[in-house]
Amino acid sequence: MKIADGFDARRLRPKAHSNWRSRLVLTFAALLTLCGALVLVVGASSLIGQPAALGDLNASPAGAAVVLVIGLFITWLGAWLWRRRRRQMRQPLGLNMAAHLMKKRD
């Protein structure tokens, strides 16, 4: 197969992941998880019967349950973001070629 004059093999390799952006997202995800866990603990302690930590927001059991659910959601969101970014960072870098140009495997 003849290689064209304008062919550059370096264009097939993808750019490396930017480390600082990934670390920034990981830091944000960790802080989000931590804040969610704190809100979760505040809601749980209000449901158990400890003094209300957020004032009137969780003085009633319904308000405490809402704070508990919001804390659970924020914690889940932070952990999901953390796992997604870690998985993306560990993914091997392949070639940037279209699938129909690759060798067929039967």
N, C-alpha and C. Protein backbone atom coordinates (compact mmCIF):
# COMPACT_ATOMS: atom_id res chain seq x y z
N MET A 1 0.85 -1.17 0.00
CA MET A 1 0.00 0.00 0.00
C MET A 1 0.89 1.23 0.00
N LYS A 2 0.59 2.13 -0.87
CA LYS A 2 1.40 3.33 -1.01
C LYS A 2 0.98 4.37 0.03
N ILE A 3 1.94 4.96 0.71
CA ILE A 3 1.66 5.98 1.70
C ILE A 3 1.68 7.34 1.00
N ALA A 4 0.63 8.11 1.20
CA ALA A 4 0.53 9.42 0.56
C ALA A 4 1.53 10.39 1.19
N ASP A 5 1.85 11.42 0.43
CA ASP A 5 2.83 12.40 0.91
C ASP A 5 2.34 13.18 2.13
N GLY A 6 1.05 13.43 2.21
CA GLY A 6 0.51 14.23 3.30
C GLY A 6 0.14 13.41 4.53
N PHE A 7 0.52 12.14 4.56
CA PHE A 7 0.15 11.28 5.69
C PHE A 7 1.04 11.57 6.89
N ASP A 8 0.40 11.73 8.04
CA ASP A 8 1.14 11.94 9.28
C ASP A 8 0.58 11.00 10.33
N ALA A 9 1.36 10.03 10.75
CA ALA A 9 0.87 9.01 11.70
C ALA A 9 0.58 9.60 13.06
N ARG A 10 1.17 10.74 13.40
CA ARG A 10 0.93 11.33 14.72
C ARG A 10 -0.51 11.81 14.87
N ARG A 11 -1.17 12.08 13.75
CA ARG A 11 -2.56 12.52 13.83
C ARG A 11 -3.49 11.41 14.29
N LEU A 12 -3.07 10.17 14.15
CA LEU A 12 -3.91 9.05 14.56
C LEU A 12 -3.90 8.85 16.07
N ARG A 13 -2.87 9.31 16.73
CA ARG A 13 -2.79 9.16 18.18
C ARG A 13 -3.58 10.28 18.84
N PRO A 14 -4.39 9.93 19.83
CA PRO A 14 -5.16 10.97 20.52
C PRO A 14 -4.27 11.78 21.45
N LYS A 15 -4.73 12.95 21.79
CA LYS A 15 -4.00 13.77 22.76
C LYS A 15 -4.14 13.15 24.14
N ALA A 16 -3.13 13.32 24.94
CA ALA A 16 -3.18 12.79 26.31
C ALA A 16 -4.18 13.58 27.14
N HIS A 17 -4.72 12.93 28.15
CA HIS A 17 -5.64 13.60 29.05
C HIS A 17 -4.91 14.71 29.79
N SER A 18 -5.61 15.82 29.97
CA SER A 18 -4.98 16.89 30.74
C SER A 18 -5.10 16.55 32.22
N ASN A 19 -3.98 16.49 32.88
CA ASN A 19 -3.93 16.06 34.27
C ASN A 19 -4.56 17.07 35.21
N TRP A 20 -4.33 18.35 34.98
CA TRP A 20 -4.83 19.35 35.92
C TRP A 20 -6.34 19.43 35.89
N ARG A 21 -6.94 19.25 34.72
CA ARG A 21 -8.40 19.30 34.63
C ARG A 21 -9.02 18.10 35.34
N SER A 22 -8.43 16.94 35.18
CA SER A 22 -8.94 15.74 35.84
C SER A 22 -8.80 15.86 37.36
N ARG A 23 -7.69 16.39 37.79
CA ARG A 23 -7.50 16.55 39.25
C ARG A 23 -8.45 17.59 39.82
N LEU A 24 -8.74 18.62 39.06
CA LEU A 24 -9.69 19.63 39.51
C LEU A 24 -11.10 19.03 39.63
N VAL A 25 -11.48 18.22 38.66
CA VAL A 25 -12.80 17.57 38.72
C VAL A 25 -12.84 16.57 39.88
N LEU A 26 -11.75 15.85 40.10
CA LEU A 26 -11.71 14.90 41.22
C LEU A 26 -11.80 15.63 42.56
N THR A 27 -11.15 16.77 42.67
CA THR A 27 -11.23 17.56 43.91
C THR A 27 -12.65 18.05 44.14
N PHE A 28 -13.27 18.55 43.08
CA PHE A 28 -14.66 19.00 43.19
C PHE A 28 -15.59 17.86 43.58
N ALA A 29 -15.37 16.68 42.99
CA ALA A 29 -16.21 15.52 43.32
C ALA A 29 -16.01 15.10 44.77
N ALA A 30 -14.78 15.16 45.26
CA ALA A 30 -14.52 14.79 46.65
C ALA A 30 -15.18 15.79 47.61
N LEU A 31 -15.10 17.08 47.28
CA LEU A 31 -15.76 18.09 48.12
C LEU A 31 -17.28 17.95 48.08
N LEU A 32 -17.81 17.62 46.91
CA LEU A 32 -19.25 17.41 46.79
C LEU A 32 -19.70 16.22 47.62
N THR A 33 -18.93 15.16 47.59
CA THR A 33 -19.25 13.97 48.39
C THR A 33 -19.17 14.28 49.88
N LEU A 34 -18.16 15.04 50.28
CA LEU A 34 -18.00 15.40 51.68
C LEU A 34 -19.16 16.28 52.16
N CYS A 35 -19.52 17.27 51.37
CA CYS A 35 -20.65 18.14 51.75
C CYS A 35 -21.95 17.35 51.80
N GLY A 36 -22.13 16.45 50.85
CA GLY A 36 -23.33 15.61 50.86
C GLY A 36 -23.39 14.71 52.09
N ALA A 37 -22.24 14.18 52.49
CA ALA A 37 -22.21 13.34 53.69
C ALA A 37 -22.52 14.16 54.94
N LEU A 38 -22.05 15.40 54.99
CA LEU A 38 -22.35 16.26 56.14
C LEU A 38 -23.85 16.58 56.21
N VAL A 39 -24.45 16.89 55.07
CA VAL A 39 -25.88 17.17 55.04
C VAL A 39 -26.67 15.91 55.40
N LEU A 40 -26.19 14.77 54.96
CA LEU A 40 -26.82 13.50 55.28
C LEU A 40 -26.80 13.24 56.79
N VAL A 41 -25.67 13.51 57.42
CA VAL A 41 -25.54 13.30 58.88
C VAL A 41 -26.44 14.28 59.64
N VAL A 42 -26.52 15.53 59.15
CA VAL A 42 -27.39 16.51 59.80
C VAL A 42 -28.84 16.07 59.72
N GLY A 43 -29.28 15.60 58.56
CA GLY A 43 -30.66 15.13 58.42
C GLY A 43 -30.94 13.91 59.27
N ALA A 44 -29.98 12.99 59.33
CA ALA A 44 -30.17 11.78 60.14
C ALA A 44 -30.22 12.11 61.63
N SER A 45 -29.35 13.03 62.07
CA SER A 45 -29.36 13.38 63.49
C SER A 45 -30.65 14.11 63.87
N SER A 46 -31.20 14.89 62.96
CA SER A 46 -32.47 15.55 63.25
C SER A 46 -33.62 14.55 63.31
N LEU A 47 -33.56 13.51 62.49
CA LEU A 47 -34.60 12.49 62.55
C LEU A 47 -34.50 11.66 63.82
N ILE A 48 -33.29 11.43 64.28
CA ILE A 48 -33.10 10.63 65.49
C ILE A 48 -33.58 11.38 66.72
N GLY A 49 -33.45 12.71 66.70
CA GLY A 49 -33.96 13.47 67.82
C GLY A 49 -32.98 14.44 68.43
N GLN A 50 -31.82 14.60 67.82
CA GLN A 50 -30.85 15.57 68.32
C GLN A 50 -31.32 16.97 67.96
N PRO A 51 -30.73 18.00 68.55
CA PRO A 51 -31.15 19.36 68.23
C PRO A 51 -30.99 19.67 66.75
N ALA A 52 -31.87 20.51 66.24
CA ALA A 52 -31.85 20.86 64.83
C ALA A 52 -30.60 21.67 64.50
N ALA A 53 -29.84 21.23 63.52
CA ALA A 53 -28.60 21.91 63.15
C ALA A 53 -28.82 22.98 62.09
N LEU A 54 -29.92 22.88 61.34
CA LEU A 54 -30.18 23.84 60.28
C LEU A 54 -31.34 24.78 60.62
N GLY A 55 -31.66 24.91 61.86
CA GLY A 55 -32.72 25.83 62.26
C GLY A 55 -34.11 25.31 61.92
N ASP A 56 -34.90 26.15 61.30
CA ASP A 56 -36.29 25.79 61.00
C ASP A 56 -36.41 24.80 59.85
N LEU A 57 -35.35 24.64 59.06
CA LEU A 57 -35.43 23.77 57.89
C LEU A 57 -35.70 22.32 58.28
N ASN A 58 -35.03 21.85 59.30
CA ASN A 58 -35.25 20.46 59.69
C ASN A 58 -35.76 20.34 61.12
N ALA A 59 -36.58 21.29 61.54
CA ALA A 59 -37.18 21.21 62.88
C ALA A 59 -38.27 20.15 62.91
N SER A 60 -38.96 19.94 61.81
CA SER A 60 -40.00 18.92 61.74
C SER A 60 -39.43 17.65 61.14
N PRO A 61 -40.07 16.52 61.40
CA PRO A 61 -39.58 15.26 60.80
C PRO A 61 -39.63 15.26 59.27
N ALA A 62 -40.61 15.93 58.69
CA ALA A 62 -40.69 15.98 57.22
C ALA A 62 -39.52 16.79 56.65
N GLY A 63 -39.20 17.90 57.29
CA GLY A 63 -38.06 18.70 56.84
C GLY A 63 -36.76 17.95 57.01
N ALA A 64 -36.62 17.21 58.11
CA ALA A 64 -35.41 16.42 58.33
C ALA A 64 -35.28 15.32 57.29
N ALA A 65 -36.41 14.73 56.90
CA ALA A 65 -36.37 13.69 55.87
C ALA A 65 -35.96 14.27 54.52
N VAL A 66 -36.44 15.48 54.22
CA VAL A 66 -36.05 16.15 52.97
C VAL A 66 -34.55 16.43 52.98
N VAL A 67 -34.02 16.93 54.09
CA VAL A 67 -32.59 17.19 54.20
C VAL A 67 -31.80 15.89 54.06
N LEU A 68 -32.30 14.81 54.63
CA LEU A 68 -31.64 13.51 54.53
C LEU A 68 -31.60 13.04 53.07
N VAL A 69 -32.69 13.17 52.36
CA VAL A 69 -32.75 12.73 50.96
C VAL A 69 -31.84 13.61 50.09
N ILE A 70 -31.83 14.92 50.34
CA ILE A 70 -30.95 15.81 49.58
C ILE A 70 -29.48 15.46 49.84
N GLY A 71 -29.13 15.19 51.08
CA GLY A 71 -27.76 14.79 51.41
C GLY A 71 -27.38 13.47 50.75
N LEU A 72 -28.32 12.53 50.70
CA LEU A 72 -28.07 11.26 50.04
C LEU A 72 -27.84 11.46 48.55
N PHE A 73 -28.64 12.32 47.92
CA PHE A 73 -28.49 12.59 46.49
C PHE A 73 -27.15 13.28 46.18
N ILE A 74 -26.78 14.26 47.00
CA ILE A 74 -25.52 14.97 46.77
C ILE A 74 -24.33 14.04 46.96
N THR A 75 -24.40 13.17 47.95
CA THR A 75 -23.33 12.19 48.16
C THR A 75 -23.23 11.24 46.98
N TRP A 76 -24.37 10.75 46.50
CA TRP A 76 -24.38 9.86 45.34
C TRP A 76 -23.82 10.56 44.10
N LEU A 77 -24.19 11.82 43.90
CA LEU A 77 -23.72 12.58 42.74
C LEU A 77 -22.20 12.76 42.78
N GLY A 78 -21.65 13.08 43.95
CA GLY A 78 -20.21 13.24 44.09
C GLY A 78 -19.46 11.93 43.84
N ALA A 79 -19.99 10.83 44.38
CA ALA A 79 -19.33 9.53 44.17
C ALA A 79 -19.43 9.10 42.71
N TRP A 80 -20.56 9.39 42.05
CA TRP A 80 -20.71 9.05 40.65
C TRP A 80 -19.73 9.83 39.78
N LEU A 81 -19.60 11.12 40.08
CA LEU A 81 -18.67 11.96 39.33
C LEU A 81 -17.23 11.50 39.54
N TRP A 82 -16.89 11.15 40.76
CA TRP A 82 -15.54 10.65 41.09
C TRP A 82 -15.24 9.37 40.30
N ARG A 83 -16.15 8.42 40.33
CA ARG A 83 -15.93 7.14 39.65
C ARG A 83 -15.85 7.31 38.14
N ARG A 84 -16.69 8.18 37.60
CA ARG A 84 -16.68 8.41 36.16
C ARG A 84 -15.36 9.02 35.70
N ARG A 85 -14.86 9.98 36.44
CA ARG A 85 -13.61 10.63 36.07
C ARG A 85 -12.43 9.67 36.23
N ARG A 86 -12.41 8.86 37.29
CA ARG A 86 -11.33 7.89 37.49
C ARG A 86 -11.32 6.85 36.37
N ARG A 87 -12.51 6.40 35.98
CA ARG A 87 -12.62 5.43 34.90
C ARG A 87 -12.11 6.03 33.59
N GLN A 88 -12.44 7.29 33.36
CA GLN A 88 -11.99 7.97 32.15
C GLN A 88 -10.48 8.18 32.16
N MET A 89 -9.90 8.45 33.31
CA MET A 89 -8.45 8.64 33.40
C MET A 89 -7.69 7.35 33.15
N ARG A 90 -8.25 6.22 33.54
CA ARG A 90 -7.57 4.94 33.42
C ARG A 90 -7.81 4.25 32.08
N GLN A 91 -8.66 4.83 31.25
CA GLN A 91 -8.97 4.23 29.97
C GLN A 91 -7.75 4.30 29.05
N PRO A 92 -7.45 3.20 28.38
CA PRO A 92 -6.29 3.23 27.48
C PRO A 92 -6.59 4.13 26.28
N LEU A 93 -5.55 4.78 25.80
CA LEU A 93 -5.71 5.65 24.65
C LEU A 93 -5.55 4.83 23.38
N GLY A 94 -6.55 4.83 22.53
CA GLY A 94 -6.50 4.06 21.29
C GLY A 94 -6.22 4.97 20.11
N LEU A 95 -6.38 4.43 18.95
CA LEU A 95 -6.18 5.20 17.73
C LEU A 95 -7.45 5.97 17.39
N ASN A 96 -7.29 7.13 16.80
CA ASN A 96 -8.42 7.93 16.37
C ASN A 96 -8.79 7.59 14.93
N MET A 97 -9.16 6.36 14.71
CA MET A 97 -9.57 5.95 13.37
C MET A 97 -11.02 5.55 13.40
N ALA A 98 -11.69 5.75 12.31
CA ALA A 98 -13.08 5.34 12.21
C ALA A 98 -13.16 3.82 12.26
N ALA A 99 -14.26 3.31 12.76
CA ALA A 99 -14.40 1.87 12.94
C ALA A 99 -14.38 1.13 11.60
N HIS A 100 -14.91 1.74 10.55
CA HIS A 100 -14.95 1.04 9.26
C HIS A 100 -13.58 0.99 8.58
N LEU A 101 -12.61 1.73 9.09
CA LEU A 101 -11.26 1.68 8.53
C LEU A 101 -10.38 0.65 9.22
N MET A 102 -10.83 0.15 10.37
CA MET A 102 -10.06 -0.83 11.12
C MET A 102 -10.10 -2.19 10.41
N LYS A 103 -9.21 -3.07 10.81
CA LYS A 103 -9.16 -4.41 10.24
C LYS A 103 -10.39 -5.18 10.72
N LYS A 104 -10.99 -5.90 9.81
CA LYS A 104 -12.18 -6.69 10.15
C LYS A 104 -11.76 -7.94 10.91
N ARG A 105 -12.51 -8.25 11.95
CA ARG A 105 -12.25 -9.46 12.74
C ARG A 105 -13.47 -10.34 12.64
N ASP A 106 -13.32 -11.51 12.04
CA ASP A 106 -14.46 -12.43 11.89
C ASP A 106 -14.41 -13.54 12.87
